[in-house]
């Protein structure tokens, strides 16, 4: 992997001065190459140990090896003057995010393609924590995942509960859910379960978990689970 080093903000600004600001989380387009910058927030972060650029390089390579289209990264960016920053350069991906597609394009045929794609990812044991409608590019019947810094790879197919969590992230944003529409969502879920070859128990766990996650604050649920787990441990030790 080739690396490009910057010693100041001025050097980086000169590097992208002829580029187009894509207006989303420090992303620029320069001569059919996309430059993506990551910025660590907060005082403590695992990003200081394992940078987001290293993660996205590793994850995109693993996704491609698993037959899931992802980024073709050509360079890694190192910011000598600011260790909070890291970045990558990858080839421009044709197509548009699902989020930017028109409602008319959400046909039954497209939803079936999408259901098969989501199912294939989860069947391969891949849990993409940021797999929302803005991070899936669609072009000529093909899907491609971007912004893949947060991906877990398991040696087994994802369980129904984990699939529901992943599915909830896909429709976590109200504007995406509104655009997709209730009828399309129900059809997509039905097709997803069919493509995943769920039995009755799998369907029950998946649908119930997804319903709970959609109607309640997921972070609050996790806090309650953690609280009762600690409480149970204390009682058991006593």
C-alpha atoms as a PDB file:
ATOM      1  CA  UNK A   1       0.000   0.000   0.000  1.00  0.00           C
ATOM      2  CA  UNK A   2       1.500   3.324  -1.087  1.00  0.00           C
ATOM      3  CA  UNK A   3       1.547   6.095   1.516  1.00  0.00           C
ATOM      4  CA  UNK A   4       1.399   9.863   1.143  1.00  0.00           C
ATOM      5  CA  UNK A   5       2.627  12.005   4.043  1.00  0.00           C
ATOM      6  CA  UNK A   6       1.537  15.523   5.006  1.00  0.00           C
ATOM      7  CA  UNK A   7       3.453  17.770   7.389  1.00  0.00           C
ATOM      8  CA  UNK A   8       0.870  20.569   7.586  1.00  0.00           C
ATOM      9  CA  UNK A   9      -2.711  21.485   6.744  1.00  0.00           C
ATOM     10  CA  UNK A  10      -1.380  23.700   3.949  1.00  0.00           C
ATOM     11  CA  UNK A  11       0.220  20.712   2.237  1.00  0.00           C
ATOM     12  CA  UNK A  12      -3.050  18.804   2.315  1.00  0.00           C
ATOM     13  CA  UNK A  13      -5.073  21.780   1.060  1.00  0.00           C
ATOM     14  CA  UNK A  14      -2.689  22.124  -1.884  1.00  0.00           C
ATOM     15  CA  UNK A  15      -3.098  18.415  -2.543  1.00  0.00           C
ATOM     16  CA  UNK A  16      -6.895  18.716  -2.909  1.00  0.00           C
ATOM     17  CA  UNK A  17      -7.121  22.251  -4.326  1.00  0.00           C
ATOM     18  CA  UNK A  18      -8.317  20.995  -7.732  1.00  0.00           C
ATOM     19  CA  UNK A  19     -10.705  18.495  -6.227  1.00  0.00           C
ATOM     20  CA  UNK A  20     -14.449  18.581  -5.771  1.00  0.00           C
ATOM     21  CA  UNK A  21     -15.771  18.659  -2.221  1.00  0.00           C
ATOM     22  CA  UNK A  22     -18.440  15.959  -2.058  1.00  0.00           C
ATOM     23  CA  UNK A  23     -19.813  17.637   1.053  1.00  0.00           C
ATOM     24  CA  UNK A  24     -20.010  14.605   3.302  1.00  0.00           C
ATOM     25  CA  UNK A  25     -17.573  13.893   6.136  1.00  0.00           C
ATOM     26  CA  UNK A  26     -14.388  15.222   4.522  1.00  0.00           C
ATOM     27  CA  UNK A  27     -14.735  13.457   1.185  1.00  0.00           C
ATOM     28  CA  UNK A  28     -13.235  14.845  -2.029  1.00  0.00           C
ATOM     29  CA  UNK A  29     -13.172  13.797  -5.685  1.00  0.00           C
ATOM     30  CA  UNK A  30      -9.923  14.380  -7.588  1.00  0.00           C
ATOM     31  CA  UNK A  31      -9.500  12.992 -11.121  1.00  0.00           C
ATOM     32  CA  UNK A  32     -11.750   9.939 -10.610  1.00  0.00           C
ATOM     33  CA  UNK A  33     -10.132   9.268  -7.246  1.00  0.00           C
ATOM     34  CA  UNK A  34     -11.992   9.686  -3.965  1.00  0.00           C
ATOM     35  CA  UNK A  35     -10.112  11.075  -0.962  1.00  0.00           C
ATOM     36  CA  UNK A  36     -11.663  10.154   2.380  1.00  0.00           C
ATOM     37  CA  UNK A  37     -10.406  11.745   5.620  1.00  0.00           C
ATOM     38  CA  UNK A  38     -11.108  10.349   9.092  1.00  0.00           C
ATOM     39  CA  UNK A  39     -10.968  12.465  12.239  1.00  0.00           C
ATOM     40  CA  UNK A  40     -10.712  10.965  15.730  1.00  0.00           C
ATOM     41  CA  UNK A  41     -13.059  12.638  18.204  1.00  0.00           C
ATOM     42  CA  UNK A  42     -12.726  12.639  21.977  1.00  0.00           C
ATOM     43  CA  UNK A  43      -9.752  12.266  24.292  1.00  0.00           C
ATOM     44  CA  UNK A  44      -9.730   8.464  24.297  1.00  0.00           C
ATOM     45  CA  UNK A  45     -10.202   6.375  21.182  1.00  0.00           C
ATOM     46  CA  UNK A  46      -8.989   3.081  19.775  1.00  0.00           C
ATOM     47  CA  UNK A  47      -8.310   5.098  16.620  1.00  0.00           C
ATOM     48  CA  UNK A  48      -5.010   6.229  18.134  1.00  0.00           C
ATOM     49  CA  UNK A  49      -3.878   2.588  18.260  1.00  0.00           C
ATOM     50  CA  UNK A  50      -5.492   1.257  15.092  1.00  0.00           C
ATOM     51  CA  UNK A  51      -6.306   4.136  12.751  1.00  0.00           C
ATOM     52  CA  UNK A  52      -9.559   4.296  10.805  1.00  0.00           C
ATOM     53  CA  UNK A  53      -7.584   4.252   7.560  1.00  0.00           C
ATOM     54  CA  UNK A  54      -5.937   0.941   8.563  1.00  0.00           C
ATOM     55  CA  UNK A  55      -9.345  -0.472   9.455  1.00  0.00           C
ATOM     56  CA  UNK A  56     -10.957   0.535   6.187  1.00  0.00           C
ATOM     57  CA  UNK A  57      -8.016  -0.841   4.186  1.00  0.00           C
ATOM     58  CA  UNK A  58      -8.195  -4.185   6.003  1.00  0.00           C
ATOM     59  CA  UNK A  59     -11.996  -4.440   5.906  1.00  0.00           C
ATOM     60  CA  UNK A  60     -12.377  -3.513   2.245  1.00  0.00           C
ATOM     61  CA  UNK A  61      -9.786  -6.157   1.310  1.00  0.00           C
ATOM     62  CA  UNK A  62     -11.620  -8.818   3.348  1.00  0.00           C
ATOM     63  CA  UNK A  63     -14.977  -7.848   1.838  1.00  0.00           C
ATOM     64  CA  UNK A  64     -13.616  -8.105  -1.692  1.00  0.00           C
ATOM     65  CA  UNK A  65     -12.087 -11.497  -0.843  1.00  0.00           C
ATOM     66  CA  UNK A  66     -15.530 -12.635   0.365  1.00  0.00           C
ATOM     67  CA  UNK A  67     -17.142 -11.637  -2.916  1.00  0.00           C
ATOM     68  CA  UNK A  68     -18.708  -8.437  -1.545  1.00  0.00           C
ATOM     69  CA  UNK A  69     -17.854  -5.413  -3.675  1.00  0.00           C
ATOM     70  CA  UNK A  70     -16.112  -2.702  -1.690  1.00  0.00           C
ATOM     71  CA  UNK A  71     -13.415  -0.044  -2.051  1.00  0.00           C
ATOM     72  CA  UNK A  72     -10.384  -0.419  -4.293  1.00  0.00           C
ATOM     73  CA  UNK A  73      -7.904   1.559  -2.185  1.00  0.00           C
ATOM     74  CA  UNK A  74      -4.734   2.825  -3.867  1.00  0.00           C
ATOM     75  CA  UNK A  75      -3.118   5.042  -1.196  1.00  0.00           C
ATOM     76  CA  UNK A  76      -3.058   5.624   2.538  1.00  0.00           C
ATOM     77  CA  UNK A  77      -2.710   9.168   3.873  1.00  0.00           C
ATOM     78  CA  UNK A  78      -0.571   9.944   6.939  1.00  0.00           C
ATOM     79  CA  UNK A  79      -0.786  13.304   8.722  1.00  0.00           C
ATOM     80  CA  UNK A  80       2.502  13.823  10.572  1.00  0.00           C
ATOM     81  CA  UNK A  81       1.332  17.073  12.173  1.00  0.00           C
ATOM     82  CA  UNK A  82      -2.011  15.734  13.420  1.00  0.00           C
ATOM     83  CA  UNK A  83      -2.313  12.155  14.678  1.00  0.00           C
ATOM     84  CA  UNK A  84      -6.111  12.511  14.900  1.00  0.00           C
ATOM     85  CA  UNK A  85      -6.321  12.514  11.115  1.00  0.00           C
ATOM     86  CA  UNK A  86      -5.898   9.626   8.704  1.00  0.00           C
ATOM     87  CA  UNK A  87      -7.177   8.977   5.231  1.00  0.00           C
ATOM     88  CA  UNK A  88      -7.329   6.821   2.121  1.00  0.00           C
ATOM     89  CA  UNK A  89      -7.600   7.285  -1.618  1.00  0.00           C
ATOM     90  CA  UNK A  90      -9.726   4.864  -3.626  1.00  0.00           C
ATOM     91  CA  UNK A  91     -11.003   4.554  -7.172  1.00  0.00           C
ATOM     92  CA  UNK A  92     -14.278   6.329  -7.849  1.00  0.00           C
ATOM     93  CA  UNK A  93     -17.219   3.923  -7.695  1.00  0.00           C
ATOM     94  CA  UNK A  94     -19.851   4.345 -10.427  1.00  0.00           C
ATOM     95  CA  UNK A  95     -23.458   4.583  -9.328  1.00  0.00           C
ATOM     96  CA  UNK A  96     -25.279   6.335  -6.497  1.00  0.00           C
ATOM     97  CA  UNK A  97     -26.144   5.510  -2.875  1.00  0.00           C
ATOM     98  CA  UNK A  98     -29.505   3.801  -2.384  1.00  0.00           C
ATOM     99  CA  UNK A  99     -30.451   6.848  -0.315  1.00  0.00           C
ATOM    100  CA  UNK A 100     -30.260   9.040  -3.428  1.00  0.00           C
ATOM    101  CA  UNK A 101     -32.306   6.782  -5.695  1.00  0.00           C
ATOM    102  CA  UNK A 102     -35.773   7.909  -6.694  1.00  0.00           C
ATOM    103  CA  UNK A 103     -38.814   6.260  -5.120  1.00  0.00           C
ATOM    104  CA  UNK A 104     -39.843   4.975  -8.561  1.00  0.00           C
ATOM    105  CA  UNK A 105     -36.631   2.938  -8.692  1.00  0.00           C
ATOM    106  CA  UNK A 106     -37.663   0.909  -5.620  1.00  0.00           C
ATOM    107  CA  UNK A 107     -39.323  -1.720  -7.794  1.00  0.00           C
ATOM    108  CA  UNK A 108     -40.118  -5.257  -6.700  1.00  0.00           C
ATOM    109  CA  UNK A 109     -37.224  -6.497  -8.827  1.00  0.00           C
ATOM    110  CA  UNK A 110     -34.781  -4.067  -7.169  1.00  0.00           C
ATOM    111  CA  UNK A 111     -36.007  -4.942  -3.667  1.00  0.00           C
ATOM    112  CA  UNK A 112     -35.430  -8.622  -4.425  1.00  0.00           C
ATOM    113  CA  UNK A 113     -31.858  -7.831  -5.532  1.00  0.00           C
ATOM    114  CA  UNK A 114     -31.314  -5.828  -2.352  1.00  0.00           C
ATOM    115  CA  UNK A 115     -32.783  -8.568  -0.132  1.00  0.00           C
ATOM    116  CA  UNK A 116     -30.467 -11.129  -1.743  1.00  0.00           C
ATOM    117  CA  UNK A 117     -27.463  -8.817  -1.267  1.00  0.00           C
ATOM    118  CA  UNK A 118     -28.197  -8.181   2.425  1.00  0.00           C
ATOM    119  CA  UNK A 119     -28.834 -11.860   3.026  1.00  0.00           C
ATOM    120  CA  UNK A 120     -25.593 -12.895   1.315  1.00  0.00           C
ATOM    121  CA  UNK A 121     -23.581 -10.524   3.529  1.00  0.00           C
ATOM    122  CA  UNK A 122     -25.117 -11.871   6.725  1.00  0.00           C
ATOM    123  CA  UNK A 123     -24.896 -15.483   5.562  1.00  0.00           C
ATOM    124  CA  UNK A 124     -21.142 -14.999   5.157  1.00  0.00           C
ATOM    125  CA  UNK A 125     -20.871 -13.870   8.790  1.00  0.00           C
ATOM    126  CA  UNK A 126     -20.296 -10.200   7.967  1.00  0.00           C
ATOM    127  CA  UNK A 127     -21.733  -7.615  10.355  1.00  0.00           C
ATOM    128  CA  UNK A 128     -21.332  -4.093   8.910  1.00  0.00           C
ATOM    129  CA  UNK A 129     -22.135  -1.684  11.741  1.00  0.00           C
ATOM    130  CA  UNK A 130     -22.592   1.293   9.409  1.00  0.00           C
ATOM    131  CA  UNK A 131     -24.547  -0.399   6.638  1.00  0.00           C
ATOM    132  CA  UNK A 132     -27.233   2.215   6.084  1.00  0.00           C
ATOM    133  CA  UNK A 133     -28.733   3.356   2.786  1.00  0.00           C
ATOM    134  CA  UNK A 134     -26.039   5.988   2.323  1.00  0.00           C
ATOM    135  CA  UNK A 135     -23.222   3.427   2.443  1.00  0.00           C
ATOM    136  CA  UNK A 136     -24.502   1.091  -0.268  1.00  0.00           C
ATOM    137  CA  UNK A 137     -23.776   2.134  -3.852  1.00  0.00           C
ATOM    138  CA  UNK A 138     -25.952   0.686  -6.640  1.00  0.00           C
ATOM    139  CA  UNK A 139     -25.010   0.534 -10.319  1.00  0.00           C
ATOM    140  CA  UNK A 140     -26.255  -1.734 -13.120  1.00  0.00           C
ATOM    141  CA  UNK A 141     -27.455  -4.481 -10.821  1.00  0.00           C
ATOM    142  CA  UNK A 142     -24.389  -4.418  -8.584  1.00  0.00           C
ATOM    143  CA  UNK A 143     -24.028  -3.247  -4.990  1.00  0.00           C
ATOM    144  CA  UNK A 144     -20.885  -1.894  -3.370  1.00  0.00           C
ATOM    145  CA  UNK A 145     -20.169  -1.096   0.300  1.00  0.00           C
ATOM    146  CA  UNK A 146     -18.326   2.084   1.288  1.00  0.00           C
ATOM    147  CA  UNK A 147     -17.186   3.651   4.577  1.00  0.00           C
ATOM    148  CA  UNK A 148     -16.345   0.187   5.905  1.00  0.00           C
ATOM    149  CA  UNK A 149     -14.276   1.093   8.976  1.00  0.00           C
ATOM    150  CA  UNK A 150     -16.677  -0.769  11.297  1.00  0.00           C
ATOM    151  CA  UNK A 151     -17.083  -4.336  10.128  1.00  0.00           C
ATOM    152  CA  UNK A 152     -16.987  -7.600  12.095  1.00  0.00           C
ATOM    153  CA  UNK A 153     -16.191 -10.887  10.375  1.00  0.00           C
ATOM    154  CA  UNK A 154     -17.481 -14.068  12.014  1.00  0.00           C
ATOM    155  CA  UNK A 155     -16.650 -17.641  10.942  1.00  0.00           C
ATOM    156  CA  UNK A 156     -20.349 -18.501  10.960  1.00  0.00           C
ATOM    157  CA  UNK A 157     -23.579 -17.156   9.489  1.00  0.00           C
ATOM    158  CA  UNK A 158     -25.059 -14.364  11.607  1.00  0.00           C
ATOM    159  CA  UNK A 159     -27.702 -15.431  14.090  1.00  0.00           C
ATOM    160  CA  UNK A 160     -31.253 -14.063  13.805  1.00  0.00           C
ATOM    161  CA  UNK A 161     -30.770 -11.578  16.651  1.00  0.00           C
ATOM    162  CA  UNK A 162     -27.575 -10.158  15.119  1.00  0.00           C
ATOM    163  CA  UNK A 163     -29.222  -9.995  11.696  1.00  0.00           C
ATOM    164  CA  UNK A 164     -32.043  -7.926  13.204  1.00  0.00           C
ATOM    165  CA  UNK A 165     -29.507  -5.519  14.723  1.00  0.00           C
ATOM    166  CA  UNK A 166     -27.765  -5.182  11.358  1.00  0.00           C
ATOM    167  CA  UNK A 167     -31.100  -4.714   9.583  1.00  0.00           C
ATOM    168  CA  UNK A 168     -32.118  -2.002  12.048  1.00  0.00           C
ATOM    169  CA  UNK A 169     -28.955  -0.092  11.199  1.00  0.00           C
ATOM    170  CA  UNK A 170     -29.881  -0.290   7.514  1.00  0.00           C
ATOM    171  CA  UNK A 171     -33.072   1.693   8.209  1.00  0.00           C
ATOM    172  CA  UNK A 172     -31.909   3.623  11.298  1.00  0.00           C
ATOM    173  CA  UNK A 173     -32.388   7.081   9.769  1.00  0.00           C
ATOM    174  CA  UNK A 174     -36.004   8.395   9.639  1.00  0.00           C
ATOM    175  CA  UNK A 175     -35.484  10.013   6.220  1.00  0.00           C
ATOM    176  CA  UNK A 176     -34.362   6.665   4.766  1.00  0.00           C
ATOM    177  CA  UNK A 177     -37.267   4.822   6.360  1.00  0.00           C
ATOM    178  CA  UNK A 178     -39.728   7.425   5.078  1.00  0.00           C
ATOM    179  CA  UNK A 179     -38.351   7.273   1.548  1.00  0.00           C
ATOM    180  CA  UNK A 180     -38.387   3.482   1.443  1.00  0.00           C
ATOM    181  CA  UNK A 181     -41.987   3.457   2.643  1.00  0.00           C
ATOM    182  CA  UNK A 182     -43.907   1.020   4.837  1.00  0.00           C
ATOM    183  CA  UNK A 183     -45.049  -1.292   2.025  1.00  0.00           C
ATOM    184  CA  UNK A 184     -41.573  -1.555   0.500  1.00  0.00           C
ATOM    185  CA  UNK A 185     -40.058  -2.178   3.934  1.00  0.00           C
ATOM    186  CA  UNK A 186     -42.481  -5.023   4.644  1.00  0.00           C
ATOM    187  CA  UNK A 187     -41.818  -6.526   1.213  1.00  0.00           C
ATOM    188  CA  UNK A 188     -38.040  -6.195   1.669  1.00  0.00           C
ATOM    189  CA  UNK A 189     -38.192  -7.927   5.058  1.00  0.00           C
ATOM    190  CA  UNK A 190     -40.320 -10.731   3.604  1.00  0.00           C
ATOM    191  CA  UNK A 191     -37.915 -11.221   0.700  1.00  0.00           C
ATOM    192  CA  UNK A 192     -34.909 -11.049   3.031  1.00  0.00           C
ATOM    193  CA  UNK A 193     -36.274 -13.850   5.208  1.00  0.00           C
ATOM    194  CA  UNK A 194     -37.020 -15.937   2.116  1.00  0.00           C
ATOM    195  CA  UNK A 195     -33.504 -15.422   0.713  1.00  0.00           C
ATOM    196  CA  UNK A 196     -32.059 -16.269   4.148  1.00  0.00           C
ATOM    197  CA  UNK A 197     -34.126 -19.497   4.226  1.00  0.00           C
ATOM    198  CA  UNK A 198     -35.413 -18.783   7.729  1.00  0.00           C
ATOM    199  CA  UNK A 199     -37.416 -21.429   9.530  1.00  0.00           C
ATOM    200  CA  UNK A 200     -40.371 -20.458  11.743  1.00  0.00           C
ATOM    201  CA  UNK A 201     -38.178 -19.884  14.810  1.00  0.00           C
ATOM    202  CA  UNK A 202     -35.695 -17.733  12.873  1.00  0.00           C
ATOM    203  CA  UNK A 203     -38.551 -15.629  11.501  1.00  0.00           C
ATOM    204  CA  UNK A 204     -40.054 -15.148  14.953  1.00  0.00           C
ATOM    205  CA  UNK A 205     -36.757 -14.091  16.564  1.00  0.00           C
ATOM    206  CA  UNK A 206     -35.838 -11.809  13.667  1.00  0.00           C
ATOM    207  CA  UNK A 207     -39.210 -10.047  13.418  1.00  0.00           C
ATOM    208  CA  UNK A 208     -39.676  -9.645  17.180  1.00  0.00           C
ATOM    209  CA  UNK A 209     -36.135  -8.320  17.701  1.00  0.00           C
ATOM    210  CA  UNK A 210     -36.427  -5.935  14.757  1.00  0.00           C
ATOM    211  CA  UNK A 211     -39.772  -4.626  16.030  1.00  0.00           C
ATOM    212  CA  UNK A 212     -38.324  -3.980  19.497  1.00  0.00           C
ATOM    213  CA  UNK A 213     -35.268  -2.216  18.063  1.00  0.00           C
ATOM    214  CA  UNK A 214     -37.398  -0.034  15.784  1.00  0.00           C
ATOM    215  CA  UNK A 215     -39.787   1.003  18.542  1.00  0.00           C
ATOM    216  CA  UNK A 216     -37.292   1.547  21.358  1.00  0.00           C
ATOM    217  CA  UNK A 217     -33.975   3.292  21.936  1.00  0.00           C
ATOM    218  CA  UNK A 218     -31.330   0.664  21.205  1.00  0.00           C
ATOM    219  CA  UNK A 219     -28.637   2.351  23.306  1.00  0.00           C
ATOM    220  CA  UNK A 220     -31.039   2.453  26.253  1.00  0.00           C
ATOM    221  CA  UNK A 221     -31.805  -1.247  25.793  1.00  0.00           C
ATOM    222  CA  UNK A 222     -28.081  -2.069  25.874  1.00  0.00           C
ATOM    223  CA  UNK A 223     -27.668  -0.071  29.090  1.00  0.00           C
ATOM    224  CA  UNK A 224     -30.523  -1.973  30.724  1.00  0.00           C
ATOM    225  CA  UNK A 225     -29.021  -5.301  29.636  1.00  0.00           C
ATOM    226  CA  UNK A 226     -25.613  -4.279  31.004  1.00  0.00           C
ATOM    227  CA  UNK A 227     -27.170  -3.076  34.259  1.00  0.00           C
ATOM    228  CA  UNK A 228     -29.074  -6.313  34.885  1.00  0.00           C
ATOM    229  CA  UNK A 229     -26.035  -8.401  33.869  1.00  0.00           C
ATOM    230  CA  UNK A 230     -23.887  -6.601  36.451  1.00  0.00           C
ATOM    231  CA  UNK A 231     -26.668  -6.830  39.028  1.00  0.00           C
ATOM    232  CA  UNK A 232     -27.010 -10.568  38.417  1.00  0.00           C
ATOM    233  CA  UNK A 233     -23.227 -11.018  38.739  1.00  0.00           C
ATOM    234  CA  UNK A 234     -23.155  -9.119  42.050  1.00  0.00           C
ATOM    235  CA  UNK A 235     -26.035 -11.178  43.440  1.00  0.00           C
ATOM    236  CA  UNK A 236     -24.389 -14.396  42.274  1.00  0.00           C
ATOM    237  CA  UNK A 237     -21.071 -13.448  43.911  1.00  0.00           C
ATOM    238  CA  UNK A 238     -22.819 -12.563  47.162  1.00  0.00           C
END
